[in-house]
PDB file of N, CA and C in Angstrom:
ATOM      1  N   UNK A   1     121.323  95.074  91.347  1.00  0.00           N
ATOM      2  CA  UNK A   1     120.514  94.388  92.342  1.00  0.00           C
ATOM      3  C   UNK A   1     120.535  92.923  92.125  1.00  0.00           C
ATOM      4  N   UNK A   2     120.156  92.569  90.706  1.00  0.00           N
ATOM      5  CA  UNK A   2     120.103  91.259  90.369  1.00  0.00           C
ATOM      6  C   UNK A   2     121.310  90.268  90.544  1.00  0.00           C
ATOM      7  N   UNK A   3     122.437  90.989  90.489  1.00  0.00           N
ATOM      8  CA  UNK A   3     123.728  90.049  90.765  1.00  0.00           C
ATOM      9  C   UNK A   3     123.899  89.793  92.249  1.00  0.00           C
ATOM     10  N   UNK A   4     123.218  90.600  93.159  1.00  0.00           N
ATOM     11  CA  UNK A   4     123.416  90.259  94.385  1.00  0.00           C
ATOM     12  C   UNK A   4     121.998  90.013  95.205  1.00  0.00           C
ATOM     13  N   UNK A   5     121.214  89.325  94.580  1.00  0.00           N
ATOM     14  CA  UNK A   5     119.890  89.060  94.989  1.00  0.00           C
ATOM     15  C   UNK A   5     119.824  88.430  96.438  1.00  0.00           C
ATOM     16  N   UNK A   6     119.040  89.036  97.429  1.00  0.00           N
ATOM     17  CA  UNK A   6     118.945  88.345  98.749  1.00  0.00           C
ATOM     18  C   UNK A   6     120.013  88.873  99.667  1.00  0.00           C
ATOM     19  N   UNK A   7     120.878  89.813  99.263  1.00  0.00           N
ATOM     20  CA  UNK A   7     121.871  90.326  99.989  1.00  0.00           C
ATOM     21  C   UNK A   7     121.666  91.712 100.664  1.00  0.00           C
ATOM     22  N   UNK A   8     120.593  92.259 100.489  1.00  0.00           N
ATOM     23  CA  UNK A   8     120.350  93.625 100.809  1.00  0.00           C
ATOM     24  C   UNK A   8     119.308  93.632 102.110  1.00  0.00           C
ATOM     25  N   UNK A   9     119.580  94.367 103.085  1.00  0.00           N
ATOM     26  CA  UNK A   9     118.638  94.669 104.028  1.00  0.00           C
ATOM     27  C   UNK A   9     117.917  95.929 103.992  1.00  0.00           C
ATOM     28  N   UNK A  10     118.490  96.960 103.163  1.00  0.00           N
ATOM     29  CA  UNK A  10     117.890  98.192 102.878  1.00  0.00           C
ATOM     30  C   UNK A  10     118.511  98.775 101.624  1.00  0.00           C
ATOM     31  N   UNK A  11     117.762  99.529 100.899  1.00  0.00           N
ATOM     32  CA  UNK A  11     118.399 100.247  99.723  1.00  0.00           C
ATOM     33  C   UNK A  11     118.320 101.710 100.090  1.00  0.00           C
ATOM     34  N   UNK A  12     119.366 102.357  99.898  1.00  0.00           N
ATOM     35  CA  UNK A  12     119.340 103.968 100.144  1.00  0.00           C
ATOM     36  C   UNK A  12     119.631 104.520  98.782  1.00  0.00           C
ATOM     37  N   UNK A  13     118.963 105.593  98.382  1.00  0.00           N
ATOM     38  CA  UNK A  13     119.171 106.191  97.201  1.00  0.00           C
ATOM     39  C   UNK A  13     118.905 107.637  97.212  1.00  0.00           C
ATOM     40  N   UNK A  14     119.639 108.413  96.422  1.00  0.00           N
ATOM     41  CA  UNK A  14     119.544 109.793  96.348  1.00  0.00           C
ATOM     42  C   UNK A  14     118.273 109.958  95.364  1.00  0.00           C
ATOM     43  N   UNK A  15     117.802 111.281  95.341  1.00  0.00           N
ATOM     44  CA  UNK A  15     116.628 111.401  94.423  1.00  0.00           C
ATOM     45  C   UNK A  15     117.268 112.089  93.134  1.00  0.00           C
ATOM     46  N   UNK A  16     117.991 112.979  93.190  1.00  0.00           N
ATOM     47  CA  UNK A  16     118.687 113.606  92.042  1.00  0.00           C
ATOM     48  C   UNK A  16     119.904 112.838  91.582  1.00  0.00           C
ATOM     49  N   UNK A  17     119.761 112.025  90.425  1.00  0.00           N
ATOM     50  CA  UNK A  17     120.909 111.303  89.849  1.00  0.00           C
ATOM     51  C   UNK A  17     120.939 111.695  88.322  1.00  0.00           C
ATOM     52  N   UNK A  18     122.038 111.365  87.681  1.00  0.00           N
ATOM     53  CA  UNK A  18     122.197 111.752  86.325  1.00  0.00           C
ATOM     54  C   UNK A  18     121.435 110.945  85.310  1.00  0.00           C
ATOM     55  N   UNK A  19     121.217 109.732  85.449  1.00  0.00           N
ATOM     56  CA  UNK A  19     120.648 108.868  84.295  1.00  0.00           C
ATOM     57  C   UNK A  19     119.204 108.664  84.563  1.00  0.00           C
ATOM     58  N   UNK A  20     118.885 108.329  85.902  1.00  0.00           N
ATOM     59  CA  UNK A  20     117.599 108.106  86.206  1.00  0.00           C
ATOM     60  C   UNK A  20     117.396 108.753  87.644  1.00  0.00           C
ATOM     61  N   UNK A  21     116.228 109.229  87.894  1.00  0.00           N
ATOM     62  CA  UNK A  21     115.987 109.915  89.302  1.00  0.00           C
ATOM     63  C   UNK A  21     115.543 108.742  90.242  1.00  0.00           C
ATOM     64  N   UNK A  22     115.712 109.154  91.517  1.00  0.00           N
ATOM     65  CA  UNK A  22     115.313 108.247  92.495  1.00  0.00           C
ATOM     66  C   UNK A  22     113.910 107.732  92.565  1.00  0.00           C
ATOM     67  N   UNK A  23     112.947 108.583  92.076  1.00  0.00           N
ATOM     68  CA  UNK A  23     111.526 108.179  92.005  1.00  0.00           C
ATOM     69  C   UNK A  23     111.527 107.121  90.970  1.00  0.00           C
ATOM     70  N   UNK A  24     112.155 107.163  89.776  1.00  0.00           N
ATOM     71  CA  UNK A  24     112.033 106.161  88.734  1.00  0.00           C
ATOM     72  C   UNK A  24     112.805 104.978  89.179  1.00  0.00           C
ATOM     73  N   UNK A  25     113.937 105.030  89.979  1.00  0.00           N
ATOM     74  CA  UNK A  25     114.551 103.880  90.474  1.00  0.00           C
ATOM     75  C   UNK A  25     113.777 103.210  91.387  1.00  0.00           C
ATOM     76  N   UNK A  26     113.087 103.760  92.317  1.00  0.00           N
ATOM     77  CA  UNK A  26     112.130 103.174  93.309  1.00  0.00           C
ATOM     78  C   UNK A  26     111.077 102.342  92.662  1.00  0.00           C
ATOM     79  N   UNK A  27     110.424 103.083  91.746  1.00  0.00           N
ATOM     80  CA  UNK A  27     109.405 102.311  90.913  1.00  0.00           C
ATOM     81  C   UNK A  27     109.808 101.005  90.243  1.00  0.00           C
ATOM     82  N   UNK A  28     111.092 101.146  89.683  1.00  0.00           N
ATOM     83  CA  UNK A  28     111.639  99.941  89.054  1.00  0.00           C
ATOM     84  C   UNK A  28     111.933  98.918  90.064  1.00  0.00           C
ATOM     85  N   UNK A  29     112.515  99.273  91.181  1.00  0.00           N
ATOM     86  CA  UNK A  29     112.821  98.202  92.132  1.00  0.00           C
ATOM     87  C   UNK A  29     111.538  97.586  92.646  1.00  0.00           C
ATOM     88  N   UNK A  30     110.571  98.434  93.035  1.00  0.00           N
ATOM     89  CA  UNK A  30     109.320  97.817  93.527  1.00  0.00           C
ATOM     90  C   UNK A  30     108.431  96.985  92.503  1.00  0.00           C
ATOM     91  N   UNK A  31     108.749  97.071  91.201  1.00  0.00           N
ATOM     92  CA  UNK A  31     108.048  96.215  90.136  1.00  0.00           C
ATOM     93  C   UNK A  31     108.619  94.805  90.182  1.00  0.00           C
ATOM     94  N   UNK A  32     109.825  94.602  90.777  1.00  0.00           N
ATOM     95  CA  UNK A  32     110.462  93.332  90.763  1.00  0.00           C
ATOM     96  C   UNK A  32     110.071  92.563  91.972  1.00  0.00           C
ATOM     97  N   UNK A  33     109.314  91.413  91.895  1.00  0.00           N
ATOM     98  CA  UNK A  33     109.015  90.786  92.970  1.00  0.00           C
ATOM     99  C   UNK A  33     110.083  90.364  94.065  1.00  0.00           C
ATOM    100  N   UNK A  34     111.122  90.110  93.434  1.00  0.00           N
ATOM    101  CA  UNK A  34     112.264  89.628  94.357  1.00  0.00           C
ATOM    102  C   UNK A  34     112.815  90.824  95.205  1.00  0.00           C
ATOM    103  N   UNK A  35     112.632  92.021  94.796  1.00  0.00           N
ATOM    104  CA  UNK A  35     113.137  93.144  95.436  1.00  0.00           C
ATOM    105  C   UNK A  35     112.026  94.021  96.173  1.00  0.00           C
ATOM    106  N   UNK A  36     110.743  93.764  95.916  1.00  0.00           N
ATOM    107  CA  UNK A  36     109.643  94.598  96.356  1.00  0.00           C
ATOM    108  C   UNK A  36     109.655  94.719  97.915  1.00  0.00           C
ATOM    109  N   UNK A  37     110.012  93.702  98.537  1.00  0.00           N
ATOM    110  CA  UNK A  37     109.993  93.822 100.055  1.00  0.00           C
ATOM    111  C   UNK A  37     111.196  94.510 100.742  1.00  0.00           C
ATOM    112  N   UNK A  38     112.186  94.741 100.027  1.00  0.00           N
ATOM    113  CA  UNK A  38     113.438  95.393 100.468  1.00  0.00           C
ATOM    114  C   UNK A  38     112.916  96.952 100.870  1.00  0.00           C
ATOM    115  N   UNK A  39     113.139  97.325 102.124  1.00  0.00           N
ATOM    116  CA  UNK A  39     112.849  98.663 102.381  1.00  0.00           C
ATOM    117  C   UNK A  39     113.768  99.626 101.705  1.00  0.00           C
ATOM    118  N   UNK A  40     113.162 100.807 101.395  1.00  0.00           N
ATOM    119  CA  UNK A  40     113.940 101.818 100.642  1.00  0.00           C
ATOM    120  C   UNK A  40     113.893 103.227 101.365  1.00  0.00           C
ATOM    121  N   UNK A  41     115.020 103.816 101.366  1.00  0.00           N
ATOM    122  CA  UNK A  41     115.210 105.102 102.060  1.00  0.00           C
ATOM    123  C   UNK A  41     115.798 106.121 101.078  1.00  0.00           C
ATOM    124  N   UNK A  42     115.117 107.166 100.832  1.00  0.00           N
ATOM    125  CA  UNK A  42     115.475 108.214 100.011  1.00  0.00           C
ATOM    126  C   UNK A  42     116.089 109.433 100.887  1.00  0.00           C
ATOM    127  N   UNK A  43     117.251 109.888 100.311  1.00  0.00           N
ATOM    128  CA  UNK A  43     117.926 110.927 100.778  1.00  0.00           C
ATOM    129  C   UNK A  43     118.087 112.172  99.741  1.00  0.00           C
ATOM    130  N   UNK A  44     117.768 113.214 100.095  1.00  0.00           N
ATOM    131  CA  UNK A  44     117.665 114.372  99.165  1.00  0.00           C
ATOM    132  C   UNK A  44     117.893 115.714  99.733  1.00  0.00           C
ATOM    133  N   UNK A  45     118.558 116.601  99.086  1.00  0.00           N
ATOM    134  CA  UNK A  45     118.519 117.990  99.624  1.00  0.00           C
ATOM    135  C   UNK A  45     117.115 118.630  99.474  1.00  0.00           C
ATOM    136  N   UNK A  46     116.285 118.015  98.593  1.00  0.00           N
ATOM    137  CA  UNK A  46     115.015 118.490  98.415  1.00  0.00           C
ATOM    138  C   UNK A  46     114.058 117.796  99.216  1.00  0.00           C
ATOM    139  N   UNK A  47     113.651 118.166 100.364  1.00  0.00           N
ATOM    140  CA  UNK A  47     112.838 117.439 101.170  1.00  0.00           C
ATOM    141  C   UNK A  47     111.483 118.147 101.641  1.00  0.00           C
ATOM    142  N   UNK A  48     110.951 119.006 100.610  1.00  0.00           N
ATOM    143  CA  UNK A  48     109.702 119.544 100.898  1.00  0.00           C
ATOM    144  C   UNK A  48     108.478 118.610 100.762  1.00  0.00           C
ATOM    145  N   UNK A  49     107.289 118.871 101.250  1.00  0.00           N
ATOM    146  CA  UNK A  49     106.308 117.990 101.267  1.00  0.00           C
ATOM    147  C   UNK A  49     105.854 117.385  99.955  1.00  0.00           C
ATOM    148  N   UNK A  50     106.033 118.055  98.817  1.00  0.00           N
ATOM    149  CA  UNK A  50     105.832 117.493  97.459  1.00  0.00           C
ATOM    150  C   UNK A  50     106.803 116.465  97.060  1.00  0.00           C
ATOM    151  N   UNK A  51     108.071 116.655  97.441  1.00  0.00           N
ATOM    152  CA  UNK A  51     109.065 115.547  97.234  1.00  0.00           C
ATOM    153  C   UNK A  51     108.880 114.305  98.142  1.00  0.00           C
ATOM    154  N   UNK A  52     108.591 114.664  99.350  1.00  0.00           N
ATOM    155  CA  UNK A  52     108.287 113.485 100.247  1.00  0.00           C
ATOM    156  C   UNK A  52     107.052 112.762  99.828  1.00  0.00           C
ATOM    157  N   UNK A  53     106.107 113.355  99.372  1.00  0.00           N
ATOM    158  CA  UNK A  53     104.800 112.632  98.894  1.00  0.00           C
ATOM    159  C   UNK A  53     105.046 111.957  97.740  1.00  0.00           C
ATOM    160  N   UNK A  54     105.932 112.389  96.746  1.00  0.00           N
ATOM    161  CA  UNK A  54     106.285 111.679  95.502  1.00  0.00           C
ATOM    162  C   UNK A  54     107.158 110.522  95.857  1.00  0.00           C
ATOM    163  N   UNK A  55     107.922 110.654  96.790  1.00  0.00           N
ATOM    164  CA  UNK A  55     108.852 109.495  97.192  1.00  0.00           C
ATOM    165  C   UNK A  55     108.056 108.385  97.823  1.00  0.00           C
ATOM    166  N   UNK A  56     107.129 108.664  98.689  1.00  0.00           N
ATOM    167  CA  UNK A  56     106.245 107.592  99.258  1.00  0.00           C
ATOM    168  C   UNK A  56     105.526 106.835  98.160  1.00  0.00           C
ATOM    169  N   UNK A  57     104.845 107.731  97.161  1.00  0.00           N
ATOM    170  CA  UNK A  57     104.210 107.091  96.087  1.00  0.00           C
ATOM    171  C   UNK A  57     104.957 106.188  95.243  1.00  0.00           C
ATOM    172  N   UNK A  58     106.230 106.565  95.165  1.00  0.00           N
ATOM    173  CA  UNK A  58     107.235 105.733  94.308  1.00  0.00           C
ATOM    174  C   UNK A  58     107.571 104.485  95.007  1.00  0.00           C
ATOM    175  N   UNK A  59     107.550 104.413  96.302  1.00  0.00           N
ATOM    176  CA  UNK A  59     107.765 103.170  97.159  1.00  0.00           C
ATOM    177  C   UNK A  59     108.816 103.326  98.247  1.00  0.00           C
ATOM    178  N   UNK A  60     109.379 104.589  98.387  1.00  0.00           N
ATOM    179  CA  UNK A  60     110.201 104.690  99.506  1.00  0.00           C
ATOM    180  C   UNK A  60     109.496 104.628 100.794  1.00  0.00           C
ATOM    181  N   UNK A  61     110.164 103.789 101.820  1.00  0.00           N
ATOM    182  CA  UNK A  61     109.647 103.788 103.089  1.00  0.00           C
ATOM    183  C   UNK A  61     109.845 104.937 104.071  1.00  0.00           C
ATOM    184  N   UNK A  62     110.958 105.520 103.659  1.00  0.00           N
ATOM    185  CA  UNK A  62     111.290 106.829 104.495  1.00  0.00           C
ATOM    186  C   UNK A  62     112.035 107.692 103.398  1.00  0.00           C
ATOM    187  N   UNK A  63     111.891 108.943 103.724  1.00  0.00           N
ATOM    188  CA  UNK A  63     112.436 110.069 102.958  1.00  0.00           C
ATOM    189  C   UNK A  63     113.071 111.037 103.748  1.00  0.00           C
ATOM    190  N   UNK A  64     114.510 111.274 103.788  1.00  0.00           N
ATOM    191  CA  UNK A  64     115.198 112.233 104.542  1.00  0.00           C
ATOM    192  C   UNK A  64     115.883 113.317 104.030  1.00  0.00           C
ATOM    193  N   UNK A  65     116.053 114.249 104.652  1.00  0.00           N
ATOM    194  CA  UNK A  65     116.907 115.352 104.059  1.00  0.00           C
ATOM    195  C   UNK A  65     118.340 115.126 104.253  1.00  0.00           C
ATOM    196  N   UNK A  66     119.118 115.308 103.344  1.00  0.00           N
ATOM    197  CA  UNK A  66     120.617 115.099 103.215  1.00  0.00           C
ATOM    198  C   UNK A  66     121.354 115.929 104.445  1.00  0.00           C
ATOM    199  N   UNK A  67     122.385 115.641 104.686  1.00  0.00           N
ATOM    200  CA  UNK A  67     123.288 116.233 105.750  1.00  0.00           C
ATOM    201  C   UNK A  67     122.772 116.145 107.121  1.00  0.00           C
ATOM    202  N   UNK A  68     122.036 115.046 107.482  1.00  0.00           N
ATOM    203  CA  UNK A  68     121.635 114.927 108.772  1.00  0.00           C
ATOM    204  C   UNK A  68     122.168 113.551 109.148  1.00  0.00           C
ATOM    205  N   UNK A  69     123.446 113.260 109.396  1.00  0.00           N
ATOM    206  CA  UNK A  69     123.845 111.738 109.556  1.00  0.00           C
ATOM    207  C   UNK A  69     123.258 111.189 110.732  1.00  0.00           C
ATOM    208  N   UNK A  70     123.016 111.708 111.810  1.00  0.00           N
ATOM    209  CA  UNK A  70     122.493 110.972 112.936  1.00  0.00           C
ATOM    210  C   UNK A  70     120.992 110.519 112.516  1.00  0.00           C
ATOM    211  N   UNK A  71     120.146 111.300 111.826  1.00  0.00           N
ATOM    212  CA  UNK A  71     118.904 110.825 111.492  1.00  0.00           C
ATOM    213  C   UNK A  71     119.097 109.661 110.417  1.00  0.00           C
ATOM    214  N   UNK A  72     120.081 109.818 109.625  1.00  0.00           N
ATOM    215  CA  UNK A  72     120.261 108.675 108.616  1.00  0.00           C
ATOM    216  C   UNK A  72     120.574 107.375 109.344  1.00  0.00           C
ATOM    217  N   UNK A  73     121.394 107.447 110.275  1.00  0.00           N
ATOM    218  CA  UNK A  73     121.769 106.220 111.044  1.00  0.00           C
ATOM    219  C   UNK A  73     120.568 105.512 111.635  1.00  0.00           C
ATOM    220  N   UNK A  74     119.848 106.532 112.431  1.00  0.00           N
ATOM    221  CA  UNK A  74     118.726 105.983 113.214  1.00  0.00           C
ATOM    222  C   UNK A  74     117.680 105.460 112.323  1.00  0.00           C
ATOM    223  N   UNK A  75     117.395 106.014 111.139  1.00  0.00           N
ATOM    224  CA  UNK A  75     116.361 105.599 110.242  1.00  0.00           C
ATOM    225  C   UNK A  75     116.786 104.265 109.580  1.00  0.00           C
ATOM    226  N   UNK A  76     118.123 104.003 109.191  1.00  0.00           N
ATOM    227  CA  UNK A  76     118.567 102.782 108.723  1.00  0.00           C
ATOM    228  C   UNK A  76     118.376 101.675 109.684  1.00  0.00           C
ATOM    229  N   UNK A  77     118.656 101.990 110.975  1.00  0.00           N
ATOM    230  CA  UNK A  77     118.486 100.932 112.069  1.00  0.00           C
ATOM    231  C   UNK A  77     117.027 100.609 112.240  1.00  0.00           C
ATOM    232  N   UNK A  78     116.218 101.503 112.012  1.00  0.00           N
ATOM    233  CA  UNK A  78     114.669 101.292 112.183  1.00  0.00           C
ATOM    234  C   UNK A  78     114.272 100.436 111.075  1.00  0.00           C
ATOM    235  N   UNK A  79     114.657 100.748 109.762  1.00  0.00           N
ATOM    236  CA  UNK A  79     114.175  99.992 108.715  1.00  0.00           C
ATOM    237  C   UNK A  79     114.768  98.432 108.819  1.00  0.00           C
ATOM    238  N   UNK A  80     116.001  98.296 109.102  1.00  0.00           N
ATOM    239  CA  UNK A  80     116.637  96.995 109.113  1.00  0.00           C
ATOM    240  C   UNK A  80     115.887  96.109 110.234  1.00  0.00           C
ATOM    241  N   UNK A  81     115.662  96.799 111.349  1.00  0.00           N
ATOM    242  CA  UNK A  81     115.020  96.131 112.434  1.00  0.00           C
ATOM    243  C   UNK A  81     113.586  95.625 112.154  1.00  0.00           C
ATOM    244  N   UNK A  82     112.835  96.596 111.354  1.00  0.00           N
ATOM    245  CA  UNK A  82     111.489  96.228 110.991  1.00  0.00           C
ATOM    246  C   UNK A  82     111.541  95.030 110.008  1.00  0.00           C
ATOM    247  N   UNK A  83     112.508  95.100 109.056  1.00  0.00           N
ATOM    248  CA  UNK A  83     112.595  93.967 108.098  1.00  0.00           C
ATOM    249  C   UNK A  83     112.949  92.635 108.704  1.00  0.00           C
ATOM    250  N   UNK A  84     113.675  92.610 109.753  1.00  0.00           N
ATOM    251  CA  UNK A  84     114.158  91.459 110.361  1.00  0.00           C
ATOM    252  C   UNK A  84     113.011  90.851 111.118  1.00  0.00           C
ATOM    253  N   UNK A  85     112.123  91.855 111.859  1.00  0.00           N
ATOM    254  CA  UNK A  85     111.032  91.458 112.610  1.00  0.00           C
ATOM    255  C   UNK A  85     109.945  90.787 111.684  1.00  0.00           C
ATOM    256  N   UNK A  86     109.882  91.332 110.568  1.00  0.00           N
ATOM    257  CA  UNK A  86     108.836  90.665 109.533  1.00  0.00           C
ATOM    258  C   UNK A  86     109.210  89.491 109.007  1.00  0.00           C
ATOM    259  N   UNK A  87     110.464  89.124 109.004  1.00  0.00           N
ATOM    260  CA  UNK A  87     110.894  87.862 108.371  1.00  0.00           C
ATOM    261  C   UNK A  87     110.668  86.702 109.128  1.00  0.00           C
TER     262      UNK A  87
END
């Protein structure tokens, strides 16, 4: 992220990753002042209420179940629109 500062409209992350999970990633991103305002969207095959709640606490603005491409596209458009309206 640091190498491309200011070039992101939204960050999309999986939750289950090999070196760091999505919750840890979101917490790290939100700690950095230059990235804290970038909307974050989580996608995961694990989308029960506990995972969604943990995702929101970590800093994700939206948490979606994988394999729903229409929902993903609509959610990305919503986050990008909200970010541009806030700017």
